[in-house]
């Protein structure tokens, strides 16, 4: 009990410190659009089985100002062709806002868990460093989930492909951790935000409420899939990534406040 209480107090002080830091940046937020509403400029596609930069089957496309994950050219066969679209530069300290919605039907052979499932992967490895048949980039994932109209399904969870985090001051050994978010059914637009401070702390925010906080981001030790340049230890920065996992999804806004630029010029 004593160790648990000590860990809780440390976490409270840690969160309070970074909350003060976060508040300091909210007075004059300068939102930078990562998606321009016209084309995929500033992004690089990597789809399993294809080299980085090849947008196989026109999976990622822009129509009517919307960035769409589309499977019109797949013939209803997904074949585990997990896809990702990466920002062209890495980020470390920032606030991110994404407006998205799930539409249409899942491809018939996509995994059951991929129903209305997408995500924002961040602090990710570069697209060029991924193996040709690698399923997912090493990263932290803010999981975006839609409901089936019946069952509860928390949104804005966190998953850790090749990475590790702490929850409430303790290491969390499982792959995913559920948030306190309500379920989002239907095809309505949903706004999700994250506040990220390097490897130290991350907040997930839905509708203005913080639904999840975790700390101490790091790369999994002794991971044989670590590409050149990624060393096990604190995970301080990386690319921002949107997913394609077998269910159509649309993004109409992807924008960022870059805290690194505050008062010290762009790095």
C-alpha atoms as a PDB file:
ATOM      1  CA  UNK A   1       0.000   0.000   0.000  1.00  0.00           C
ATOM      2  CA  UNK A   2       2.856   2.380   0.871  1.00  0.00           C
ATOM      3  CA  UNK A   3       4.527   1.835  -2.546  1.00  0.00           C
ATOM      4  CA  UNK A   4       1.198   2.270  -4.315  1.00  0.00           C
ATOM      5  CA  UNK A   5       0.515   5.548  -2.497  1.00  0.00           C
ATOM      6  CA  UNK A   6       4.007   6.827  -3.225  1.00  0.00           C
ATOM      7  CA  UNK A   7       3.602   6.012  -6.902  1.00  0.00           C
ATOM      8  CA  UNK A   8       0.251   7.789  -6.995  1.00  0.00           C
ATOM      9  CA  UNK A   9       1.672  10.931  -5.378  1.00  0.00           C
ATOM     10  CA  UNK A  10       4.593  10.987  -7.794  1.00  0.00           C
ATOM     11  CA  UNK A  11       2.220  10.663 -10.719  1.00  0.00           C
ATOM     12  CA  UNK A  12       0.012  13.491  -9.397  1.00  0.00           C
ATOM     13  CA  UNK A  13       3.009  15.812  -9.097  1.00  0.00           C
ATOM     14  CA  UNK A  14       4.193  14.749 -12.559  1.00  0.00           C
ATOM     15  CA  UNK A  15       0.805  15.389 -14.166  1.00  0.00           C
ATOM     16  CA  UNK A  16       0.372  18.700 -12.319  1.00  0.00           C
ATOM     17  CA  UNK A  17       3.744  19.943 -13.545  1.00  0.00           C
ATOM     18  CA  UNK A  18       2.988  19.107 -17.136  1.00  0.00           C
ATOM     19  CA  UNK A  19      -0.558  20.447 -16.880  1.00  0.00           C
ATOM     20  CA  UNK A  20       0.929  23.817 -15.940  1.00  0.00           C
ATOM     21  CA  UNK A  21       3.253  23.532 -18.902  1.00  0.00           C
ATOM     22  CA  UNK A  22       0.327  22.658 -21.170  1.00  0.00           C
ATOM     23  CA  UNK A  23      -1.760  25.589 -19.934  1.00  0.00           C
ATOM     24  CA  UNK A  24       1.073  27.953 -20.770  1.00  0.00           C
ATOM     25  CA  UNK A  25       0.745  27.026 -24.427  1.00  0.00           C
ATOM     26  CA  UNK A  26      -3.033  27.344 -24.746  1.00  0.00           C
ATOM     27  CA  UNK A  27      -3.250  31.138 -24.557  1.00  0.00           C
ATOM     28  CA  UNK A  28      -2.177  31.742 -28.161  1.00  0.00           C
ATOM     29  CA  UNK A  29      -2.487  28.466 -30.017  1.00  0.00           C
ATOM     30  CA  UNK A  30      -1.240  28.552 -33.598  1.00  0.00           C
ATOM     31  CA  UNK A  31      -2.856  25.635 -35.425  1.00  0.00           C
ATOM     32  CA  UNK A  32      -0.892  24.271 -38.378  1.00  0.00           C
ATOM     33  CA  UNK A  33      -2.882  22.162 -40.894  1.00  0.00           C
ATOM     34  CA  UNK A  34      -1.059  18.900 -41.632  1.00  0.00           C
ATOM     35  CA  UNK A  35      -3.694  18.018 -44.259  1.00  0.00           C
ATOM     36  CA  UNK A  36      -4.254  20.783 -46.816  1.00  0.00           C
ATOM     37  CA  UNK A  37      -7.656  19.598 -48.066  1.00  0.00           C
ATOM     38  CA  UNK A  38      -6.439  19.320 -51.673  1.00  0.00           C
ATOM     39  CA  UNK A  39      -3.939  16.479 -51.980  1.00  0.00           C
ATOM     40  CA  UNK A  40      -1.521  14.256 -50.062  1.00  0.00           C
ATOM     41  CA  UNK A  41       1.320  16.778 -50.052  1.00  0.00           C
ATOM     42  CA  UNK A  42       3.337  16.489 -46.841  1.00  0.00           C
ATOM     43  CA  UNK A  43       2.505  12.794 -46.395  1.00  0.00           C
ATOM     44  CA  UNK A  44       4.111   9.478 -47.387  1.00  0.00           C
ATOM     45  CA  UNK A  45       2.178   6.225 -47.808  1.00  0.00           C
ATOM     46  CA  UNK A  46       3.453   2.807 -46.692  1.00  0.00           C
ATOM     47  CA  UNK A  47       1.244  -0.246 -47.334  1.00  0.00           C
ATOM     48  CA  UNK A  48       2.220  -3.778 -46.363  1.00  0.00           C
ATOM     49  CA  UNK A  49       3.780  -5.568 -49.328  1.00  0.00           C
ATOM     50  CA  UNK A  50       4.652  -2.350 -51.156  1.00  0.00           C
ATOM     51  CA  UNK A  51       7.610   0.025 -50.864  1.00  0.00           C
ATOM     52  CA  UNK A  52       7.281   3.311 -49.025  1.00  0.00           C
ATOM     53  CA  UNK A  53       5.797   5.991 -51.248  1.00  0.00           C
ATOM     54  CA  UNK A  54       3.569   3.672 -53.307  1.00  0.00           C
ATOM     55  CA  UNK A  55      -0.112   4.392 -52.687  1.00  0.00           C
ATOM     56  CA  UNK A  56      -1.253   0.910 -53.750  1.00  0.00           C
ATOM     57  CA  UNK A  57      -4.836   0.663 -55.046  1.00  0.00           C
ATOM     58  CA  UNK A  58      -5.312   4.362 -54.374  1.00  0.00           C
ATOM     59  CA  UNK A  59      -5.971   3.515 -50.721  1.00  0.00           C
ATOM     60  CA  UNK A  60      -5.413   7.055 -49.490  1.00  0.00           C
ATOM     61  CA  UNK A  61      -7.121   9.719 -51.589  1.00  0.00           C
ATOM     62  CA  UNK A  62      -8.514  13.236 -51.312  1.00  0.00           C
ATOM     63  CA  UNK A  63     -12.060  13.918 -52.489  1.00  0.00           C
ATOM     64  CA  UNK A  64     -14.179  17.006 -51.773  1.00  0.00           C
ATOM     65  CA  UNK A  65     -11.671  18.250 -49.217  1.00  0.00           C
ATOM     66  CA  UNK A  66     -11.684  14.953 -47.298  1.00  0.00           C
ATOM     67  CA  UNK A  67      -8.735  12.606 -46.787  1.00  0.00           C
ATOM     68  CA  UNK A  68     -10.298   9.198 -47.352  1.00  0.00           C
ATOM     69  CA  UNK A  69      -9.153   5.668 -46.592  1.00  0.00           C
ATOM     70  CA  UNK A  70     -10.897   3.880 -49.458  1.00  0.00           C
ATOM     71  CA  UNK A  71     -11.077   0.259 -50.635  1.00  0.00           C
ATOM     72  CA  UNK A  72     -12.900   0.804 -53.928  1.00  0.00           C
ATOM     73  CA  UNK A  73     -10.038  -0.817 -55.860  1.00  0.00           C
ATOM     74  CA  UNK A  74      -9.605  -3.793 -53.500  1.00  0.00           C
ATOM     75  CA  UNK A  75     -12.392  -5.968 -54.886  1.00  0.00           C
ATOM     76  CA  UNK A  76     -13.579  -6.687 -51.324  1.00  0.00           C
ATOM     77  CA  UNK A  77     -10.317  -8.544 -50.539  1.00  0.00           C
ATOM     78  CA  UNK A  78      -8.149  -6.884 -47.902  1.00  0.00           C
ATOM     79  CA  UNK A  79      -5.579  -9.665 -47.473  1.00  0.00           C
ATOM     80  CA  UNK A  80      -4.152  -7.975 -44.360  1.00  0.00           C
ATOM     81  CA  UNK A  81      -2.825  -5.115 -46.485  1.00  0.00           C
ATOM     82  CA  UNK A  82      -2.462  -2.816 -43.502  1.00  0.00           C
ATOM     83  CA  UNK A  83      -1.692   0.698 -44.648  1.00  0.00           C
ATOM     84  CA  UNK A  84      -0.343   3.869 -43.083  1.00  0.00           C
ATOM     85  CA  UNK A  85       0.182   7.438 -44.203  1.00  0.00           C
ATOM     86  CA  UNK A  86       3.002   9.332 -42.460  1.00  0.00           C
ATOM     87  CA  UNK A  87       3.748  13.005 -42.011  1.00  0.00           C
ATOM     88  CA  UNK A  88       6.923  13.973 -43.835  1.00  0.00           C
ATOM     89  CA  UNK A  89       8.599  15.167 -40.633  1.00  0.00           C
ATOM     90  CA  UNK A  90       8.786  13.933 -37.033  1.00  0.00           C
ATOM     91  CA  UNK A  91       7.339  15.801 -34.058  1.00  0.00           C
ATOM     92  CA  UNK A  92       8.037  15.738 -30.331  1.00  0.00           C
ATOM     93  CA  UNK A  93       6.001  18.252 -28.288  1.00  0.00           C
ATOM     94  CA  UNK A  94       2.601  19.258 -29.632  1.00  0.00           C
ATOM     95  CA  UNK A  95      -1.157  19.321 -29.460  1.00  0.00           C
ATOM     96  CA  UNK A  96      -2.932  17.401 -32.236  1.00  0.00           C
ATOM     97  CA  UNK A  97      -6.561  17.650 -33.351  1.00  0.00           C
ATOM     98  CA  UNK A  98      -8.214  15.191 -35.733  1.00  0.00           C
ATOM     99  CA  UNK A  99     -11.793  15.164 -37.031  1.00  0.00           C
ATOM    100  CA  UNK A 100     -12.785  11.776 -38.441  1.00  0.00           C
ATOM    101  CA  UNK A 101     -15.684   9.428 -39.088  1.00  0.00           C
ATOM    102  CA  UNK A 102     -16.212   5.810 -40.102  1.00  0.00           C
ATOM    103  CA  UNK A 103     -18.350   5.139 -43.174  1.00  0.00           C
ATOM    104  CA  UNK A 104     -19.498   2.198 -45.288  1.00  0.00           C
ATOM    105  CA  UNK A 105     -18.732  -1.459 -44.689  1.00  0.00           C
ATOM    106  CA  UNK A 106     -15.635  -3.337 -43.624  1.00  0.00           C
ATOM    107  CA  UNK A 107     -13.951  -5.543 -46.238  1.00  0.00           C
ATOM    108  CA  UNK A 108     -15.187  -9.121 -45.885  1.00  0.00           C
ATOM    109  CA  UNK A 109     -11.827 -10.705 -44.998  1.00  0.00           C
ATOM    110  CA  UNK A 110     -10.523  -7.926 -42.739  1.00  0.00           C
ATOM    111  CA  UNK A 111      -9.885  -8.971 -39.117  1.00  0.00           C
ATOM    112  CA  UNK A 112     -12.886  -8.910 -36.815  1.00  0.00           C
ATOM    113  CA  UNK A 113     -11.121  -6.490 -34.485  1.00  0.00           C
ATOM    114  CA  UNK A 114     -10.657  -4.039 -37.381  1.00  0.00           C
ATOM    115  CA  UNK A 115     -14.390  -3.236 -37.570  1.00  0.00           C
ATOM    116  CA  UNK A 116     -14.665   0.574 -37.382  1.00  0.00           C
ATOM    117  CA  UNK A 117     -11.064   0.623 -36.236  1.00  0.00           C
ATOM    118  CA  UNK A 118      -8.393   3.142 -37.185  1.00  0.00           C
ATOM    119  CA  UNK A 119      -5.829   5.086 -35.239  1.00  0.00           C
ATOM    120  CA  UNK A 120      -3.342   7.895 -34.907  1.00  0.00           C
ATOM    121  CA  UNK A 121       0.094   6.379 -34.498  1.00  0.00           C
ATOM    122  CA  UNK A 122       2.696   8.822 -33.224  1.00  0.00           C
ATOM    123  CA  UNK A 123       6.364   8.875 -32.283  1.00  0.00           C
ATOM    124  CA  UNK A 124       6.490   6.344 -35.136  1.00  0.00           C
ATOM    125  CA  UNK A 125       9.475   5.099 -37.098  1.00  0.00           C
ATOM    126  CA  UNK A 126       9.864   6.534 -40.597  1.00  0.00           C
ATOM    127  CA  UNK A 127       7.997   4.882 -43.504  1.00  0.00           C
ATOM    128  CA  UNK A 128      11.278   4.144 -45.259  1.00  0.00           C
ATOM    129  CA  UNK A 129      12.577   2.199 -42.265  1.00  0.00           C
ATOM    130  CA  UNK A 130       9.666  -0.262 -42.276  1.00  0.00           C
ATOM    131  CA  UNK A 131      10.221  -3.747 -43.665  1.00  0.00           C
ATOM    132  CA  UNK A 132       8.353  -4.526 -46.888  1.00  0.00           C
ATOM    133  CA  UNK A 133       5.866  -6.869 -45.166  1.00  0.00           C
ATOM    134  CA  UNK A 134       5.765  -5.197 -41.759  1.00  0.00           C
ATOM    135  CA  UNK A 135       2.186  -4.917 -40.459  1.00  0.00           C
ATOM    136  CA  UNK A 136       2.476  -1.787 -38.291  1.00  0.00           C
ATOM    137  CA  UNK A 137       5.139   0.825 -37.584  1.00  0.00           C
ATOM    138  CA  UNK A 138       6.837   0.843 -34.199  1.00  0.00           C
ATOM    139  CA  UNK A 139       4.955   3.630 -32.448  1.00  0.00           C
ATOM    140  CA  UNK A 140       2.409   4.601 -29.826  1.00  0.00           C
ATOM    141  CA  UNK A 141      -1.177   4.341 -31.104  1.00  0.00           C
ATOM    142  CA  UNK A 142      -4.138   6.458 -30.094  1.00  0.00           C
ATOM    143  CA  UNK A 143      -6.844   4.026 -31.147  1.00  0.00           C
ATOM    144  CA  UNK A 144      -9.974   5.345 -32.889  1.00  0.00           C
ATOM    145  CA  UNK A 145     -12.971   3.028 -32.587  1.00  0.00           C
ATOM    146  CA  UNK A 146     -16.610   3.208 -33.672  1.00  0.00           C
ATOM    147  CA  UNK A 147     -19.501   1.340 -32.086  1.00  0.00           C
ATOM    148  CA  UNK A 148     -21.785  -1.212 -33.699  1.00  0.00           C
ATOM    149  CA  UNK A 149     -24.952   0.475 -32.457  1.00  0.00           C
ATOM    150  CA  UNK A 150     -25.396  -2.034 -29.637  1.00  0.00           C
ATOM    151  CA  UNK A 151     -22.303  -2.784 -27.570  1.00  0.00           C
ATOM    152  CA  UNK A 152     -20.158  -0.436 -25.471  1.00  0.00           C
ATOM    153  CA  UNK A 153     -16.771   0.233 -27.035  1.00  0.00           C
ATOM    154  CA  UNK A 154     -14.503   2.850 -25.445  1.00  0.00           C
ATOM    155  CA  UNK A 155     -12.787   5.208 -27.873  1.00  0.00           C
ATOM    156  CA  UNK A 156      -9.392   6.908 -27.742  1.00  0.00           C
ATOM    157  CA  UNK A 157      -7.568   3.945 -26.203  1.00  0.00           C
ATOM    158  CA  UNK A 158      -3.798   3.478 -26.330  1.00  0.00           C
ATOM    159  CA  UNK A 159      -1.880   0.578 -27.925  1.00  0.00           C
ATOM    160  CA  UNK A 160       1.862  -0.036 -27.967  1.00  0.00           C
ATOM    161  CA  UNK A 161       3.324  -1.802 -31.046  1.00  0.00           C
ATOM    162  CA  UNK A 162       6.991  -2.273 -30.134  1.00  0.00           C
ATOM    163  CA  UNK A 163       6.777   0.292 -27.350  1.00  0.00           C
ATOM    164  CA  UNK A 164       6.066   0.607 -23.629  1.00  0.00           C
ATOM    165  CA  UNK A 165       4.223   3.075 -21.392  1.00  0.00           C
ATOM    166  CA  UNK A 166       3.368   3.653 -17.746  1.00  0.00           C
ATOM    167  CA  UNK A 167      -0.233   3.891 -16.510  1.00  0.00           C
ATOM    168  CA  UNK A 168      -0.845   5.579 -13.143  1.00  0.00           C
ATOM    169  CA  UNK A 169       2.854   5.423 -12.375  1.00  0.00           C
ATOM    170  CA  UNK A 170       3.304   1.733 -13.153  1.00  0.00           C
ATOM    171  CA  UNK A 171       4.587  -0.085 -16.259  1.00  0.00           C
ATOM    172  CA  UNK A 172       1.727  -1.447 -18.333  1.00  0.00           C
ATOM    173  CA  UNK A 173       2.694  -4.794 -19.920  1.00  0.00           C
ATOM    174  CA  UNK A 174      -0.374  -5.393 -22.118  1.00  0.00           C
ATOM    175  CA  UNK A 175      -0.780  -4.250 -25.720  1.00  0.00           C
ATOM    176  CA  UNK A 176      -3.808  -1.942 -25.293  1.00  0.00           C
ATOM    177  CA  UNK A 177      -5.360   0.031 -22.442  1.00  0.00           C
ATOM    178  CA  UNK A 178      -8.940   1.315 -22.559  1.00  0.00           C
ATOM    179  CA  UNK A 179      -9.863   4.932 -21.926  1.00  0.00           C
ATOM    180  CA  UNK A 180     -12.845   6.293 -20.000  1.00  0.00           C
ATOM    181  CA  UNK A 181     -14.500   7.490 -23.214  1.00  0.00           C
ATOM    182  CA  UNK A 182     -18.119   6.795 -24.103  1.00  0.00           C
ATOM    183  CA  UNK A 183     -18.978   4.767 -27.224  1.00  0.00           C
ATOM    184  CA  UNK A 184     -19.372   6.622 -30.534  1.00  0.00           C
ATOM    185  CA  UNK A 185     -21.952   4.915 -32.730  1.00  0.00           C
ATOM    186  CA  UNK A 186     -22.948   5.909 -36.275  1.00  0.00           C
ATOM    187  CA  UNK A 187     -21.245   7.945 -38.988  1.00  0.00           C
ATOM    188  CA  UNK A 188     -21.083  11.340 -37.254  1.00  0.00           C
ATOM    189  CA  UNK A 189     -17.876  13.345 -37.249  1.00  0.00           C
ATOM    190  CA  UNK A 190     -15.838  12.926 -34.063  1.00  0.00           C
ATOM    191  CA  UNK A 191     -13.123  15.262 -32.754  1.00  0.00           C
ATOM    192  CA  UNK A 192     -10.148  13.703 -30.989  1.00  0.00           C
ATOM    193  CA  UNK A 193      -7.219  15.605 -29.483  1.00  0.00           C
ATOM    194  CA  UNK A 194      -3.884  14.668 -27.965  1.00  0.00           C
ATOM    195  CA  UNK A 195      -1.361  16.663 -25.955  1.00  0.00           C
ATOM    196  CA  UNK A 196       2.092  15.120 -26.272  1.00  0.00           C
ATOM    197  CA  UNK A 197       5.218  16.080 -24.335  1.00  0.00           C
ATOM    198  CA  UNK A 198       8.092  14.083 -25.781  1.00  0.00           C
ATOM    199  CA  UNK A 199       8.602  10.821 -23.855  1.00  0.00           C
ATOM    200  CA  UNK A 200       7.209  12.141 -20.576  1.00  0.00           C
ATOM    201  CA  UNK A 201       3.403  12.412 -20.714  1.00  0.00           C
ATOM    202  CA  UNK A 202       0.458  12.143 -23.133  1.00  0.00           C
ATOM    203  CA  UNK A 203      -3.184  13.154 -22.664  1.00  0.00           C
ATOM    204  CA  UNK A 204      -6.075  11.854 -24.830  1.00  0.00           C
ATOM    205  CA  UNK A 205      -9.026  14.250 -25.039  1.00  0.00           C
ATOM    206  CA  UNK A 206     -12.572  13.702 -26.336  1.00  0.00           C
ATOM    207  CA  UNK A 207     -15.127  16.528 -26.389  1.00  0.00           C
ATOM    208  CA  UNK A 208     -12.921  18.581 -24.073  1.00  0.00           C
ATOM    209  CA  UNK A 209     -12.562  15.846 -21.447  1.00  0.00           C
ATOM    210  CA  UNK A 210      -9.280  14.093 -20.701  1.00  0.00           C
ATOM    211  CA  UNK A 211     -10.121  10.403 -21.074  1.00  0.00           C
ATOM    212  CA  UNK A 212      -6.640   8.904 -20.698  1.00  0.00           C
ATOM    213  CA  UNK A 213      -3.183   9.889 -19.468  1.00  0.00           C
ATOM    214  CA  UNK A 214       0.017   7.874 -19.633  1.00  0.00           C
ATOM    215  CA  UNK A 215       3.706   8.520 -19.092  1.00  0.00           C
ATOM    216  CA  UNK A 216       7.278   7.355 -19.730  1.00  0.00           C
ATOM    217  CA  UNK A 217       7.106   6.381 -23.416  1.00  0.00           C
ATOM    218  CA  UNK A 218       9.905   4.078 -24.492  1.00  0.00           C
ATOM    219  CA  UNK A 219      10.968   1.539 -27.085  1.00  0.00           C
ATOM    220  CA  UNK A 220      10.721  -2.103 -26.067  1.00  0.00           C
ATOM    221  CA  UNK A 221      14.183  -3.446 -25.122  1.00  0.00           C
ATOM    222  CA  UNK A 222      15.723  -6.245 -27.192  1.00  0.00           C
ATOM    223  CA  UNK A 223      13.281  -5.726 -30.074  1.00  0.00           C
ATOM    224  CA  UNK A 224      14.841  -7.428 -33.131  1.00  0.00           C
ATOM    225  CA  UNK A 225      12.677  -5.298 -35.448  1.00  0.00           C
ATOM    226  CA  UNK A 226      14.173  -1.986 -34.335  1.00  0.00           C
ATOM    227  CA  UNK A 227      15.399  -0.274 -37.496  1.00  0.00           C
ATOM    228  CA  UNK A 228      18.751   1.444 -37.759  1.00  0.00           C
ATOM    229  CA  UNK A 229      18.738   4.708 -35.826  1.00  0.00           C
ATOM    230  CA  UNK A 230      16.133   3.633 -33.259  1.00  0.00           C
ATOM    231  CA  UNK A 231      17.705   2.677 -29.944  1.00  0.00           C
ATOM    232  CA  UNK A 232      15.849   1.055 -27.045  1.00  0.00           C
ATOM    233  CA  UNK A 233      15.089   3.609 -24.357  1.00  0.00           C
ATOM    234  CA  UNK A 234      13.016   6.798 -24.048  1.00  0.00           C
ATOM    235  CA  UNK A 235      10.858   7.493 -27.133  1.00  0.00           C
ATOM    236  CA  UNK A 236      11.013  11.260 -27.547  1.00  0.00           C
ATOM    237  CA  UNK A 237       9.767  11.913 -31.071  1.00  0.00           C
ATOM    238  CA  UNK A 238       8.602  10.396 -34.317  1.00  0.00           C
ATOM    239  CA  UNK A 239       6.206  10.640 -37.230  1.00  0.00           C
ATOM    240  CA  UNK A 240       2.431  11.092 -37.010  1.00  0.00           C
ATOM    241  CA  UNK A 241       0.538   8.371 -38.874  1.00  0.00           C
ATOM    242  CA  UNK A 242      -3.068   7.650 -39.924  1.00  0.00           C
ATOM    243  CA  UNK A 243      -4.120   4.032 -40.369  1.00  0.00           C
ATOM    244  CA  UNK A 244      -5.853   1.828 -42.939  1.00  0.00           C
ATOM    245  CA  UNK A 245      -7.038  -1.425 -41.323  1.00  0.00           C
ATOM    246  CA  UNK A 246      -9.890  -2.645 -43.532  1.00  0.00           C
ATOM    247  CA  UNK A 247     -12.805  -0.325 -42.700  1.00  0.00           C
ATOM    248  CA  UNK A 248     -13.344   2.923 -44.671  1.00  0.00           C
ATOM    249  CA  UNK A 249     -12.630   6.051 -42.652  1.00  0.00           C
ATOM    250  CA  UNK A 250     -12.526   9.744 -43.500  1.00  0.00           C
ATOM    251  CA  UNK A 251     -10.511  12.633 -42.060  1.00  0.00           C
ATOM    252  CA  UNK A 252     -11.574  16.221 -42.688  1.00  0.00           C
ATOM    253  CA  UNK A 253      -9.143  17.922 -40.325  1.00  0.00           C
ATOM    254  CA  UNK A 254      -5.648  17.049 -39.115  1.00  0.00           C
ATOM    255  CA  UNK A 255      -3.954  19.991 -37.446  1.00  0.00           C
ATOM    256  CA  UNK A 256      -1.256  20.622 -34.896  1.00  0.00           C
ATOM    257  CA  UNK A 257       0.084  23.196 -32.448  1.00  0.00           C
ATOM    258  CA  UNK A 258       3.840  22.686 -32.388  1.00  0.00           C
ATOM    259  CA  UNK A 259       5.079  23.508 -28.895  1.00  0.00           C
ATOM    260  CA  UNK A 260       8.683  23.201 -30.084  1.00  0.00           C
ATOM    261  CA  UNK A 261       8.209  26.421 -32.064  1.00  0.00           C
ATOM    262  CA  UNK A 262       7.021  28.428 -29.076  1.00  0.00           C
ATOM    263  CA  UNK A 263       9.381  31.303 -28.511  1.00  0.00           C
ATOM    264  CA  UNK A 264      12.466  29.629 -29.930  1.00  0.00           C
ATOM    265  CA  UNK A 265      11.984  29.371 -33.660  1.00  0.00           C
ATOM    266  CA  UNK A 266      11.374  26.307 -35.760  1.00  0.00           C
ATOM    267  CA  UNK A 267      13.832  23.476 -35.340  1.00  0.00           C
END
